[in-house]
Amino acid sequence: MSITLVGTILIVEDSPSELELMSHYLQESGYKVITASGAKEALEQAISHNPDVIVTDVVMPGMSGFELCRSLKKNPATQKVPIVICSSKNLEIDRLWAMKQGADVYITKPYTREQLLRAIKSVVI
């Protein structure tokens, strides 16, 4: 039983294999996916495409996912977009810091397709 969901998700991930996996899970679940390989590109994509949810990694070259969160939450055009952080950093302090930066949900890698979809559904309802 597959439920078609309507929504656009911006994935920010610098690892091509991780980006591919996440895109596959989300497209298979009916989402439209836009991708960015870094935070600066993600800021541009978020403003031009107005996604329903942003899923971002934390550790990226240039600007971290935490900094991206802060920038998105400061910008009136993107401040209401829910942010799901998906990171290999699995310490409680990372989770707390992410929430302080404006993230709505924090999931750790490796994750299952169900965990990813549950995280997204929890912020779009």
PDB file of N, CA and C in Angstrom:
ATOM      1  N   MET A   1       0.850  -1.182   0.000  1.00  0.00           N
ATOM      2  CA  MET A   1       0.000   0.000   0.000  1.00  0.00           C
ATOM      3  C   MET A   1       0.888   1.235   0.000  1.00  0.00           C
ATOM      4  N   SER A   2       0.829   2.005  -1.052  1.00  0.00           N
ATOM      5  CA  SER A   2       1.660   3.208  -1.081  1.00  0.00           C
ATOM      6  C   SER A   2       0.775   4.442  -1.096  1.00  0.00           C
ATOM      7  N   ILE A   3       1.101   5.353  -0.227  1.00  0.00           N
ATOM      8  CA  ILE A   3       0.338   6.587  -0.103  1.00  0.00           C
ATOM      9  C   ILE A   3       1.122   7.669  -0.829  1.00  0.00           C
ATOM     10  N   THR A   4       0.492   8.332  -1.755  1.00  0.00           N
ATOM     11  CA  THR A   4       1.191   9.387  -2.475  1.00  0.00           C
ATOM     12  C   THR A   4       1.128  10.661  -1.658  1.00  0.00           C
ATOM     13  N   LEU A   5       2.284  11.200  -1.396  1.00  0.00           N
ATOM     14  CA  LEU A   5       2.368  12.422  -0.610  1.00  0.00           C
ATOM     15  C   LEU A   5       2.717  13.559  -1.535  1.00  0.00           C
ATOM     16  N   VAL A   6       2.187  14.698  -1.241  1.00  0.00           N
ATOM     17  CA  VAL A   6       2.514  15.839  -2.068  1.00  0.00           C
ATOM     18  C   VAL A   6       3.460  16.695  -1.256  1.00  0.00           C
ATOM     19  N   GLY A   7       4.528  17.103  -1.870  1.00  0.00           N
ATOM     20  CA  GLY A   7       5.455  17.953  -1.152  1.00  0.00           C
ATOM     21  C   GLY A   7       6.806  17.958  -1.813  1.00  0.00           C
ATOM     22  N   THR A   8       7.526  19.044  -1.587  1.00  0.00           N
ATOM     23  CA  THR A   8       8.861  19.192  -2.142  1.00  0.00           C
ATOM     24  C   THR A   8       9.845  19.196  -0.990  1.00  0.00           C
ATOM     25  N   ILE A   9      10.879  18.394  -1.130  1.00  0.00           N
ATOM     26  CA  ILE A   9      11.888  18.311  -0.092  1.00  0.00           C
ATOM     27  C   ILE A   9      13.242  18.683  -0.666  1.00  0.00           C
ATOM     28  N   LEU A  10      13.921  19.582   0.022  1.00  0.00           N
ATOM     29  CA  LEU A  10      15.276  19.969  -0.358  1.00  0.00           C
ATOM     30  C   LEU A  10      16.232  19.140   0.492  1.00  0.00           C
ATOM     31  N   ILE A  11      17.079  18.365  -0.168  1.00  0.00           N
ATOM     32  CA  ILE A  11      18.082  17.550   0.539  1.00  0.00           C
ATOM     33  C   ILE A  11      19.431  18.234   0.386  1.00  0.00           C
ATOM     34  N   VAL A  12      20.094  18.470   1.513  1.00  0.00           N
ATOM     35  CA  VAL A  12      21.414  19.098   1.497  1.00  0.00           C
ATOM     36  C   VAL A  12      22.406  18.066   2.023  1.00  0.00           C
ATOM     37  N   GLU A  13      23.232  17.546   1.126  1.00  0.00           N
ATOM     38  CA  GLU A  13      24.133  16.454   1.491  1.00  0.00           C
ATOM     39  C   GLU A  13      25.335  16.475   0.567  1.00  0.00           C
ATOM     40  N   ASP A  14      26.547  16.467   1.126  1.00  0.00           N
ATOM     41  CA  ASP A  14      27.744  16.523   0.287  1.00  0.00           C
ATOM     42  C   ASP A  14      28.246  15.150  -0.153  1.00  0.00           C
ATOM     43  N   SER A  15      27.681  14.072   0.394  1.00  0.00           N
ATOM     44  CA  SER A  15      28.082  12.726  -0.021  1.00  0.00           C
ATOM     45  C   SER A  15      27.152  12.243  -1.132  1.00  0.00           C
ATOM     46  N   PRO A  16      27.679  12.021  -2.350  1.00  0.00           N
ATOM     47  CA  PRO A  16      26.827  11.600  -3.468  1.00  0.00           C
ATOM     48  C   PRO A  16      26.022  10.325  -3.185  1.00  0.00           C
ATOM     49  N   SER A  17      26.631   9.348  -2.509  1.00  0.00           N
ATOM     50  CA  SER A  17      25.910   8.098  -2.248  1.00  0.00           C
ATOM     51  C   SER A  17      24.776   8.314  -1.249  1.00  0.00           C
ATOM     52  N   GLU A  18      25.022   9.128  -0.234  1.00  0.00           N
ATOM     53  CA  GLU A  18      23.997   9.442   0.771  1.00  0.00           C
ATOM     54  C   GLU A  18      22.853  10.229   0.128  1.00  0.00           C
ATOM     55  N   LEU A  19      23.220  11.167  -0.736  1.00  0.00           N
ATOM     56  CA  LEU A  19      22.242  11.991  -1.444  1.00  0.00           C
ATOM     57  C   LEU A  19      21.356  11.112  -2.332  1.00  0.00           C
ATOM     58  N   GLU A  20      21.989  10.172  -3.027  1.00  0.00           N
ATOM     59  CA  GLU A  20      21.281   9.254  -3.911  1.00  0.00           C
ATOM     60  C   GLU A  20      20.290   8.387  -3.124  1.00  0.00           C
ATOM     61  N   LEU A  21      20.740   7.855  -2.002  1.00  0.00           N
ATOM     62  CA  LEU A  21      19.892   6.993  -1.173  1.00  0.00           C
ATOM     63  C   LEU A  21      18.681   7.764  -0.653  1.00  0.00           C
ATOM     64  N   MET A  22      18.939   8.934  -0.098  1.00  0.00           N
ATOM     65  CA  MET A  22      17.862   9.750   0.454  1.00  0.00           C
ATOM     66  C   MET A  22      16.859  10.159  -0.630  1.00  0.00           C
ATOM     67  N   SER A  23      17.380  10.582  -1.784  1.00  0.00           N
ATOM     68  CA  SER A  23      16.519  10.971  -2.908  1.00  0.00           C
ATOM     69  C   SER A  23      15.639   9.802  -3.322  1.00  0.00           C
ATOM     70  N   HIS A  24      16.238   8.624  -3.398  1.00  0.00           N
ATOM     71  CA  HIS A  24      15.510   7.421  -3.798  1.00  0.00           C
ATOM     72  C   HIS A  24      14.360   7.138  -2.822  1.00  0.00           C
ATOM     73  N   TYR A  25      14.665   7.141  -1.531  1.00  0.00           N
ATOM     74  CA  TYR A  25      13.638   6.880  -0.513  1.00  0.00           C
ATOM     75  C   TYR A  25      12.472   7.861  -0.653  1.00  0.00           C
ATOM     76  N   LEU A  26      12.798   9.136  -0.817  1.00  0.00           N
ATOM     77  CA  LEU A  26      11.763  10.167  -0.842  1.00  0.00           C
ATOM     78  C   LEU A  26      10.968  10.183  -2.136  1.00  0.00           C
ATOM     79  N   GLN A  27      11.638  10.006  -3.271  1.00  0.00           N
ATOM     80  CA  GLN A  27      10.932   9.984  -4.548  1.00  0.00           C
ATOM     81  C   GLN A  27      10.012   8.772  -4.620  1.00  0.00           C
ATOM     82  N   GLU A  28      10.496   7.645  -4.106  1.00  0.00           N
ATOM     83  CA  GLU A  28       9.713   6.418  -4.068  1.00  0.00           C
ATOM     84  C   GLU A  28       8.451   6.612  -3.218  1.00  0.00           C
ATOM     85  N   SER A  29       8.526   7.532  -2.279  1.00  0.00           N
ATOM     86  CA  SER A  29       7.394   7.793  -1.382  1.00  0.00           C
ATOM     87  C   SER A  29       6.503   8.927  -1.891  1.00  0.00           C
ATOM     88  N   GLY A  30       6.774   9.413  -3.086  1.00  0.00           N
ATOM     89  CA  GLY A  30       5.899  10.407  -3.692  1.00  0.00           C
ATOM     90  C   GLY A  30       6.303  11.859  -3.532  1.00  0.00           C
ATOM     91  N   TYR A  31       7.469  12.107  -2.951  1.00  0.00           N
ATOM     92  CA  TYR A  31       7.910  13.488  -2.785  1.00  0.00           C
ATOM     93  C   TYR A  31       8.664  13.972  -4.012  1.00  0.00           C
ATOM     94  N   LYS A  32       8.604  15.269  -4.255  1.00  0.00           N
ATOM     95  CA  LYS A  32       9.440  15.893  -5.292  1.00  0.00           C
ATOM     96  C   LYS A  32      10.724  16.275  -4.556  1.00  0.00           C
ATOM     97  N   VAL A  33      11.860  15.934  -5.124  1.00  0.00           N
ATOM     98  CA  VAL A  33      13.128  16.174  -4.444  1.00  0.00           C
ATOM     99  C   VAL A  33      13.990  17.184  -5.202  1.00  0.00           C
ATOM    100  N   ILE A  34      14.538  18.132  -4.461  1.00  0.00           N
ATOM    101  CA  ILE A  34      15.518  19.077  -5.002  1.00  0.00           C
ATOM    102  C   ILE A  34      16.771  18.804  -4.180  1.00  0.00           C
ATOM    103  N   THR A  35      17.932  18.927  -4.782  1.00  0.00           N
ATOM    104  CA  THR A  35      19.145  18.636  -4.020  1.00  0.00           C
ATOM    105  C   THR A  35      20.137  19.793  -4.067  1.00  0.00           C
ATOM    106  N   ALA A  36      20.979  19.819  -3.046  1.00  0.00           N
ATOM    107  CA  ALA A  36      22.074  20.781  -2.975  1.00  0.00           C
ATOM    108  C   ALA A  36      23.243  20.041  -2.331  1.00  0.00           C
ATOM    109  N   SER A  37      24.449  20.271  -2.837  1.00  0.00           N
ATOM    110  CA  SER A  37      25.592  19.554  -2.280  1.00  0.00           C
ATOM    111  C   SER A  37      26.315  20.363  -1.209  1.00  0.00           C
ATOM    112  N   GLY A  38      25.805  21.563  -0.938  1.00  0.00           N
ATOM    113  CA  GLY A  38      26.413  22.377   0.110  1.00  0.00           C
ATOM    114  C   GLY A  38      25.423  23.404   0.624  1.00  0.00           C
ATOM    115  N   ALA A  39      25.759  24.023   1.733  1.00  0.00           N
ATOM    116  CA  ALA A  39      24.846  24.949   2.395  1.00  0.00           C
ATOM    117  C   ALA A  39      24.566  26.221   1.593  1.00  0.00           C
ATOM    118  N   LYS A  40      25.587  26.762   0.934  1.00  0.00           N
ATOM    119  CA  LYS A  40      25.368  27.999   0.164  1.00  0.00           C
ATOM    120  C   LYS A  40      24.381  27.754  -0.979  1.00  0.00           C
ATOM    121  N   GLU A  41      24.565  26.634  -1.672  1.00  0.00           N
ATOM    122  CA  GLU A  41      23.645  26.247  -2.749  1.00  0.00           C
ATOM    123  C   GLU A  41      22.247  26.004  -2.163  1.00  0.00           C
ATOM    124  N   ALA A  42      22.206  25.409  -0.986  1.00  0.00           N
ATOM    125  CA  ALA A  42      20.923  25.111  -0.328  1.00  0.00           C
ATOM    126  C   ALA A  42      20.145  26.390  -0.028  1.00  0.00           C
ATOM    127  N   LEU A  43      20.835  27.431   0.408  1.00  0.00           N
ATOM    128  CA  LEU A  43      20.162  28.707   0.702  1.00  0.00           C
ATOM    129  C   LEU A  43      19.496  29.251  -0.562  1.00  0.00           C
ATOM    130  N   GLU A  44      20.210  29.181  -1.687  1.00  0.00           N
ATOM    131  CA  GLU A  44      19.653  29.655  -2.963  1.00  0.00           C
ATOM    132  C   GLU A  44      18.448  28.810  -3.368  1.00  0.00           C
ATOM    133  N   GLN A  45      18.600  27.480  -3.264  1.00  0.00           N
ATOM    134  CA  GLN A  45      17.519  26.558  -3.643  1.00  0.00           C
ATOM    135  C   GLN A  45      16.282  26.776  -2.760  1.00  0.00           C
ATOM    136  N   ALA A  46      16.502  26.990  -1.467  1.00  0.00           N
ATOM    137  CA  ALA A  46      15.385  27.168  -0.527  1.00  0.00           C
ATOM    138  C   ALA A  46      14.595  28.425  -0.878  1.00  0.00           C
ATOM    139  N   ILE A  47      15.295  29.475  -1.267  1.00  0.00           N
ATOM    140  CA  ILE A  47      14.614  30.724  -1.610  1.00  0.00           C
ATOM    141  C   ILE A  47      13.904  30.606  -2.957  1.00  0.00           C
ATOM    142  N   SER A  48      14.552  29.981  -3.943  1.00  0.00           N
ATOM    143  CA  SER A  48      13.919  29.912  -5.262  1.00  0.00           C
ATOM    144  C   SER A  48      12.841  28.838  -5.385  1.00  0.00           C
ATOM    145  N   HIS A  49      12.924  27.741  -4.621  1.00  0.00           N
ATOM    146  CA  HIS A  49      11.956  26.650  -4.767  1.00  0.00           C
ATOM    147  C   HIS A  49      10.928  26.547  -3.643  1.00  0.00           C
ATOM    148  N   ASN A  50      11.159  27.243  -2.550  1.00  0.00           N
ATOM    149  CA  ASN A  50      10.233  27.222  -1.422  1.00  0.00           C
ATOM    150  C   ASN A  50       9.794  25.804  -1.034  1.00  0.00           C
ATOM    151  N   PRO A  51      10.743  24.946  -0.597  1.00  0.00           N
ATOM    152  CA  PRO A  51      10.397  23.558  -0.273  1.00  0.00           C
ATOM    153  C   PRO A  51       9.509  23.454   0.973  1.00  0.00           C
ATOM    154  N   ASP A  52       8.845  22.301   1.104  1.00  0.00           N
ATOM    155  CA  ASP A  52       7.992  22.065   2.268  1.00  0.00           C
ATOM    156  C   ASP A  52       8.820  21.644   3.477  1.00  0.00           C
ATOM    157  N   VAL A  53       9.938  20.979   3.211  1.00  0.00           N
ATOM    158  CA  VAL A  53      10.835  20.514   4.274  1.00  0.00           C
ATOM    159  C   VAL A  53      12.265  20.561   3.730  1.00  0.00           C
ATOM    160  N   ILE A  54      13.222  20.823   4.635  1.00  0.00           N
ATOM    161  CA  ILE A  54      14.637  20.771   4.264  1.00  0.00           C
ATOM    162  C   ILE A  54      15.285  19.692   5.126  1.00  0.00           C
ATOM    163  N   VAL A  55      15.983  18.766   4.478  1.00  0.00           N
ATOM    164  CA  VAL A  55      16.718  17.717   5.195  1.00  0.00           C
ATOM    165  C   VAL A  55      18.189  18.029   4.957  1.00  0.00           C
ATOM    166  N   THR A  56      18.948  18.242   6.037  1.00  0.00           N
ATOM    167  CA  THR A  56      20.354  18.602   5.856  1.00  0.00           C
ATOM    168  C   THR A  56      21.297  17.775   6.716  1.00  0.00           C
ATOM    169  N   ASP A  57      22.481  17.585   6.170  1.00  0.00           N
ATOM    170  CA  ASP A  57      23.583  16.955   6.888  1.00  0.00           C
ATOM    171  C   ASP A  57      24.180  18.049   7.785  1.00  0.00           C
ATOM    172  N   VAL A  58      25.041  17.681   8.718  1.00  0.00           N
ATOM    173  CA  VAL A  58      25.694  18.683   9.563  1.00  0.00           C
ATOM    174  C   VAL A  58      27.101  18.968   9.043  1.00  0.00           C
ATOM    175  N   VAL A  59      27.867  17.907   8.836  1.00  0.00           N
ATOM    176  CA  VAL A  59      29.267  18.075   8.451  1.00  0.00           C
ATOM    177  C   VAL A  59      29.383  18.222   6.940  1.00  0.00           C
ATOM    178  N   MET A  60      29.623  19.471   6.505  1.00  0.00           N
ATOM    179  CA  MET A  60      29.775  19.763   5.079  1.00  0.00           C
ATOM    180  C   MET A  60      30.881  20.797   4.922  1.00  0.00           C
ATOM    181  N   PRO A  61      31.553  20.795   3.767  1.00  0.00           N
ATOM    182  CA  PRO A  61      32.600  21.802   3.569  1.00  0.00           C
ATOM    183  C   PRO A  61      31.999  23.202   3.478  1.00  0.00           C
ATOM    184  N   GLY A  62      32.750  24.190   3.937  1.00  0.00           N
ATOM    185  CA  GLY A  62      32.276  25.573   3.846  1.00  0.00           C
ATOM    186  C   GLY A  62      31.405  25.978   5.007  1.00  0.00           C
ATOM    187  N   MET A  63      30.151  25.588   4.958  1.00  0.00           N
ATOM    188  CA  MET A  63      29.194  25.986   6.003  1.00  0.00           C
ATOM    189  C   MET A  63      28.534  24.720   6.550  1.00  0.00           C
ATOM    190  N   SER A  64      28.461  24.597   7.856  1.00  0.00           N
ATOM    191  CA  SER A  64      27.870  23.391   8.452  1.00  0.00           C
ATOM    192  C   SER A  64      26.344  23.436   8.385  1.00  0.00           C
ATOM    193  N   GLY A  65      25.735  22.291   8.631  1.00  0.00           N
ATOM    194  CA  GLY A  65      24.274  22.219   8.685  1.00  0.00           C
ATOM    195  C   GLY A  65      23.723  23.095   9.799  1.00  0.00           C
ATOM    196  N   PHE A  66      24.481  23.240  10.889  1.00  0.00           N
ATOM    197  CA  PHE A  66      24.045  24.106  11.999  1.00  0.00           C
ATOM    198  C   PHE A  66      23.978  25.561  11.524  1.00  0.00           C
ATOM    199  N   GLU A  67      25.025  25.993  10.796  1.00  0.00           N
ATOM    200  CA  GLU A  67      25.043  27.364  10.277  1.00  0.00           C
ATOM    201  C   GLU A  67      23.930  27.569   9.248  1.00  0.00           C
ATOM    202  N   LEU A  68      23.681  26.530   8.447  1.00  0.00           N
ATOM    203  CA  LEU A  68      22.611  26.592   7.457  1.00  0.00           C
ATOM    204  C   LEU A  68      21.263  26.799   8.161  1.00  0.00           C
ATOM    205  N   CYS A  69      21.042  26.051   9.232  1.00  0.00           N
ATOM    206  CA  CYS A  69      19.807  26.198  10.029  1.00  0.00           C
ATOM    207  C   CYS A  69      19.623  27.642  10.487  1.00  0.00           C
ATOM    208  N   ARG A  70      20.690  28.191  11.064  1.00  0.00           N
ATOM    209  CA  ARG A  70      20.613  29.574  11.555  1.00  0.00           C
ATOM    210  C   ARG A  70      20.266  30.535  10.433  1.00  0.00           C
ATOM    211  N   SER A  71      20.932  30.391   9.279  1.00  0.00           N
ATOM    212  CA  SER A  71      20.679  31.278   8.141  1.00  0.00           C
ATOM    213  C   SER A  71      19.243  31.157   7.645  1.00  0.00           C
ATOM    214  N   LEU A  72      18.745  29.926   7.555  1.00  0.00           N
ATOM    215  CA  LEU A  72      17.382  29.709   7.071  1.00  0.00           C
ATOM    216  C   LEU A  72      16.355  30.312   8.032  1.00  0.00           C
ATOM    217  N   LYS A  73      16.605  30.172   9.329  1.00  0.00           N
ATOM    218  CA  LYS A  73      15.649  30.668  10.329  1.00  0.00           C
ATOM    219  C   LYS A  73      15.679  32.191  10.442  1.00  0.00           C
ATOM    220  N   LYS A  74      16.792  32.811  10.021  1.00  0.00           N
ATOM    221  CA  LYS A  74      16.900  34.276  10.061  1.00  0.00           C
ATOM    222  C   LYS A  74      16.247  34.924   8.847  1.00  0.00           C
ATOM    223  N   ASN A  75      16.131  34.172   7.755  1.00  0.00           N
ATOM    224  CA  ASN A  75      15.600  34.714   6.509  1.00  0.00           C
ATOM    225  C   ASN A  75      14.072  34.625   6.491  1.00  0.00           C
ATOM    226  N   PRO A  76      13.370  35.754   6.352  1.00  0.00           N
ATOM    227  CA  PRO A  76      11.898  35.741   6.345  1.00  0.00           C
ATOM    228  C   PRO A  76      11.304  34.810   5.285  1.00  0.00           C
ATOM    229  N   ALA A  77      12.011  34.619   4.175  1.00  0.00           N
ATOM    230  CA  ALA A  77      11.493  33.762   3.100  1.00  0.00           C
ATOM    231  C   ALA A  77      11.546  32.277   3.461  1.00  0.00           C
ATOM    232  N   THR A  78      12.430  31.907   4.385  1.00  0.00           N
ATOM    233  CA  THR A  78      12.610  30.476   4.692  1.00  0.00           C
ATOM    234  C   THR A  78      12.427  30.139   6.172  1.00  0.00           C
ATOM    235  N   GLN A  79      12.136  31.128   7.010  1.00  0.00           N
ATOM    236  CA  GLN A  79      12.120  30.868   8.453  1.00  0.00           C
ATOM    237  C   GLN A  79      11.044  29.887   8.913  1.00  0.00           C
ATOM    238  N   LYS A  80       9.982  29.706   8.127  1.00  0.00           N
ATOM    239  CA  LYS A  80       8.896  28.800   8.525  1.00  0.00           C
ATOM    240  C   LYS A  80       9.073  27.369   8.003  1.00  0.00           C
ATOM    241  N   VAL A  81      10.094  27.154   7.155  1.00  0.00           N
ATOM    242  CA  VAL A  81      10.301  25.823   6.574  1.00  0.00           C
ATOM    243  C   VAL A  81      10.888  24.884   7.632  1.00  0.00           C
ATOM    244  N   PRO A  82      10.225  23.737   7.879  1.00  0.00           N
ATOM    245  CA  PRO A  82      10.754  22.788   8.871  1.00  0.00           C
ATOM    246  C   PRO A  82      12.089  22.199   8.408  1.00  0.00           C
ATOM    247  N   ILE A  83      12.978  21.985   9.369  1.00  0.00           N
ATOM    248  CA  ILE A  83      14.305  21.447   9.054  1.00  0.00           C
ATOM    249  C   ILE A  83      14.520  20.132   9.794  1.00  0.00           C
ATOM    250  N   VAL A  84      14.922  19.111   9.025  1.00  0.00           N
ATOM    251  CA  VAL A  84      15.276  17.811   9.597  1.00  0.00           C
ATOM    252  C   VAL A  84      16.783  17.679   9.430  1.00  0.00           C
ATOM    253  N   ILE A  85      17.489  17.504  10.540  1.00  0.00           N
ATOM    254  CA  ILE A  85      18.932  17.292  10.450  1.00  0.00           C
ATOM    255  C   ILE A  85      19.171  15.786  10.455  1.00  0.00           C
ATOM    256  N   CYS A  86      19.991  15.364   9.513  1.00  0.00           N
ATOM    257  CA  CYS A  86      20.309  13.948   9.387  1.00  0.00           C
ATOM    258  C   CYS A  86      21.823  13.858   9.441  1.00  0.00           C
ATOM    259  N   SER A  87      22.356  13.404  10.571  1.00  0.00           N
ATOM    260  CA  SER A  87      23.797  13.477  10.776  1.00  0.00           C
ATOM    261  C   SER A  87      24.388  12.210  11.364  1.00  0.00           C
ATOM    262  N   SER A  88      25.672  12.029  11.115  1.00  0.00           N
ATOM    263  CA  SER A  88      26.377  10.904  11.738  1.00  0.00           C
ATOM    264  C   SER A  88      26.802  11.278  13.159  1.00  0.00           C
ATOM    265  N   LYS A  89      26.667  12.557  13.503  1.00  0.00           N
ATOM    266  CA  LYS A  89      26.998  13.007  14.864  1.00  0.00           C
ATOM    267  C   LYS A  89      25.835  12.577  15.764  1.00  0.00           C
ATOM    268  N   ASN A  90      26.109  11.647  16.674  1.00  0.00           N
ATOM    269  CA  ASN A  90      24.993  11.086  17.434  1.00  0.00           C
ATOM    270  C   ASN A  90      25.053  11.352  18.938  1.00  0.00           C
ATOM    271  N   LEU A  91      25.766  12.387  19.332  1.00  0.00           N
ATOM    272  CA  LEU A  91      25.818  12.725  20.749  1.00  0.00           C
ATOM    273  C   LEU A  91      24.638  13.617  21.105  1.00  0.00           C
ATOM    274  N   GLU A  92      24.192  13.535  22.329  1.00  0.00           N
ATOM    275  CA  GLU A  92      23.066  14.341  22.786  1.00  0.00           C
ATOM    276  C   GLU A  92      23.344  15.835  22.621  1.00  0.00           C
ATOM    277  N   ILE A  93      24.601  16.239  22.835  1.00  0.00           N
ATOM    278  CA  ILE A  93      24.958  17.654  22.715  1.00  0.00           C
ATOM    279  C   ILE A  93      24.745  18.143  21.277  1.00  0.00           C
ATOM    280  N   ASP A  94      25.003  17.275  20.290  1.00  0.00           N
ATOM    281  CA  ASP A  94      24.782  17.638  18.879  1.00  0.00           C
ATOM    282  C   ASP A  94      23.290  17.847  18.625  1.00  0.00           C
ATOM    283  N   ARG A  95      22.481  16.952  19.179  1.00  0.00           N
ATOM    284  CA  ARG A  95      21.028  17.037  19.027  1.00  0.00           C
ATOM    285  C   ARG A  95      20.508  18.339  19.664  1.00  0.00           C
ATOM    286  N   LEU A  96      20.972  18.635  20.872  1.00  0.00           N
ATOM    287  CA  LEU A  96      20.533  19.850  21.570  1.00  0.00           C
ATOM    288  C   LEU A  96      20.970  21.103  20.813  1.00  0.00           C
ATOM    289  N   TRP A  97      22.208  21.090  20.321  1.00  0.00           N
ATOM    290  CA  TRP A  97      22.730  22.234  19.575  1.00  0.00           C
ATOM    291  C   TRP A  97      21.909  22.436  18.300  1.00  0.00           C
ATOM    292  N   ALA A  98      21.567  21.350  17.623  1.00  0.00           N
ATOM    293  CA  ALA A  98      20.763  21.423  16.393  1.00  0.00           C
ATOM    294  C   ALA A  98      19.420  22.093  16.679  1.00  0.00           C
ATOM    295  N   MET A  99      18.783  21.713  17.777  1.00  0.00           N
ATOM    296  CA  MET A  99      17.484  22.289  18.130  1.00  0.00           C
ATOM    297  C   MET A  99      17.631  23.783  18.440  1.00  0.00           C
ATOM    298  N   LYS A 100      18.733  24.136  19.087  1.00  0.00           N
ATOM    299  CA  LYS A 100      18.996  25.552  19.388  1.00  0.00           C
ATOM    300  C   LYS A 100      19.178  26.378  18.114  1.00  0.00           C
ATOM    301  N   GLN A 101      19.699  25.733  17.066  1.00  0.00           N
ATOM    302  CA  GLN A 101      19.937  26.429  15.796  1.00  0.00           C
ATOM    303  C   GLN A 101      18.671  26.530  14.947  1.00  0.00           C
ATOM    304  N   GLY A 102      17.602  25.873  15.396  1.00  0.00           N
ATOM    305  CA  GLY A 102      16.345  25.971  14.656  1.00  0.00           C
ATOM    306  C   GLY A 102      15.871  24.693  13.988  1.00  0.00           C
ATOM    307  N   ALA A 103      16.584  23.588  14.187  1.00  0.00           N
ATOM    308  CA  ALA A 103      16.145  22.321  13.589  1.00  0.00           C
ATOM    309  C   ALA A 103      14.865  21.848  14.279  1.00  0.00           C
ATOM    310  N   ASP A 104      14.020  21.163  13.536  1.00  0.00           N
ATOM    311  CA  ASP A 104      12.770  20.644  14.090  1.00  0.00           C
ATOM    312  C   ASP A 104      12.901  19.187  14.519  1.00  0.00           C
ATOM    313  N   VAL A 105      13.699  18.430  13.759  1.00  0.00           N
ATOM    314  CA  VAL A 105      13.893  17.012  14.054  1.00  0.00           C
ATOM    315  C   VAL A 105      15.359  16.675  13.795  1.00  0.00           C
ATOM    316  N   TYR A 106      15.885  15.710  14.565  1.00  0.00           N
ATOM    317  CA  TYR A 106      17.280  15.296  14.403  1.00  0.00           C
ATOM    318  C   TYR A 106      17.302  13.781  14.297  1.00  0.00           C
ATOM    319  N   ILE A 107      17.767  13.253  13.182  1.00  0.00           N
ATOM    320  CA  ILE A 107      17.921  11.801  13.078  1.00  0.00           C
ATOM    321  C   ILE A 107      19.383  11.505  12.772  1.00  0.00           C
ATOM    322  N   THR A 108      19.825  10.322  13.174  1.00  0.00           N
ATOM    323  CA  THR A 108      21.232   9.981  12.983  1.00  0.00           C
ATOM    324  C   THR A 108      21.405   8.927  11.891  1.00  0.00           C
ATOM    325  N   LYS A 109      22.564   8.983  11.258  1.00  0.00           N
ATOM    326  CA  LYS A 109      22.937   7.990  10.250  1.00  0.00           C
ATOM    327  C   LYS A 109      23.610   6.835  10.966  1.00  0.00           C
ATOM    328  N   PRO A 110      23.490   5.634  10.530  1.00  0.00           N
ATOM    329  CA  PRO A 110      22.595   5.207   9.450  1.00  0.00           C
ATOM    330  C   PRO A 110      21.139   5.218   9.919  1.00  0.00           C
ATOM    331  N   TYR A 111      20.240   5.502   9.000  1.00  0.00           N
ATOM    332  CA  TYR A 111      18.812   5.548   9.306  1.00  0.00           C
ATOM    333  C   TYR A 111      18.095   4.608   8.347  1.00  0.00           C
ATOM    334  N   THR A 112      16.885   4.234   8.693  1.00  0.00           N
ATOM    335  CA  THR A 112      16.096   3.407   7.784  1.00  0.00           C
ATOM    336  C   THR A 112      15.176   4.319   6.986  1.00  0.00           C
ATOM    337  N   ARG A 113      14.626   3.783   5.935  1.00  0.00           N
ATOM    338  CA  ARG A 113      13.677   4.530   5.118  1.00  0.00           C
ATOM    339  C   ARG A 113      12.516   5.009   6.003  1.00  0.00           C
ATOM    340  N   GLU A 114      12.057   4.118   6.896  1.00  0.00           N
ATOM    341  CA  GLU A 114      10.936   4.450   7.792  1.00  0.00           C
ATOM    342  C   GLU A 114      11.286   5.604   8.730  1.00  0.00           C
ATOM    343  N   GLN A 115      12.506   5.585   9.280  1.00  0.00           N
ATOM    344  CA  GLN A 115      12.909   6.668  10.189  1.00  0.00           C
ATOM    345  C   GLN A 115      12.917   8.010   9.464  1.00  0.00           C
ATOM    346  N   LEU A 116      13.425   8.009   8.241  1.00  0.00           N
ATOM    347  CA  LEU A 116      13.491   9.237   7.459  1.00  0.00           C
ATOM    348  C   LEU A 116      12.076   9.752   7.158  1.00  0.00           C
ATOM    349  N   LEU A 117      11.212   8.851   6.696  1.00  0.00           N
ATOM    350  CA  LEU A 117       9.840   9.255   6.362  1.00  0.00           C
ATOM    351  C   LEU A 117       9.072   9.713   7.602  1.00  0.00           C
ATOM    352  N   ARG A 118       9.282   9.029   8.718  1.00  0.00           N
ATOM    353  CA  ARG A 118       8.603   9.411   9.965  1.00  0.00           C
ATOM    354  C   ARG A 118       9.039  10.805  10.395  1.00  0.00           C
ATOM    355  N   ALA A 119      10.340  11.091  10.268  1.00  0.00           N
ATOM    356  CA  ALA A 119      10.870  12.412  10.651  1.00  0.00           C
ATOM    357  C   ALA A 119      10.228  13.492   9.793  1.00  0.00           C
ATOM    358  N   ILE A 120      10.110  13.234   8.493  1.00  0.00           N
ATOM    359  CA  ILE A 120       9.520  14.225   7.583  1.00  0.00           C
ATOM    360  C   ILE A 120       8.035  14.410   7.873  1.00  0.00           C
ATOM    361  N   LYS A 121       7.326  13.285   8.036  1.00  0.00           N
ATOM    362  CA  LYS A 121       5.887  13.376   8.324  1.00  0.00           C
ATOM    363  C   LYS A 121       5.624  14.124   9.622  1.00  0.00           C
ATOM    364  N   SER A 122       6.525  13.982  10.582  1.00  0.00           N
ATOM    365  CA  SER A 122       6.310  14.629  11.890  1.00  0.00           C
ATOM    366  C   SER A 122       6.361  16.151  11.800  1.00  0.00           C
ATOM    367  N   VAL A 123       7.023  16.695  10.782  1.00  0.00           N
ATOM    368  CA  VAL A 123       7.110  18.149  10.663  1.00  0.00           C
ATOM    369  C   VAL A 123       6.150  18.767   9.644  1.00  0.00           C
ATOM    370  N   VAL A 124       5.554  17.935   8.782  1.00  0.00           N
ATOM    371  CA  VAL A 124       4.671  18.508   7.761  1.00  0.00           C
ATOM    372  C   VAL A 124       3.190  18.447   8.110  1.00  0.00           C
ATOM    373  N   ILE A 125       2.864  17.825   9.230  1.00  0.00           N
ATOM    374  CA  ILE A 125       1.443  17.716   9.598  1.00  0.00           C
ATOM    375  C   ILE A 125       0.959  19.011  10.215  1.00  0.00           C
TER     376      ILE A 125
END
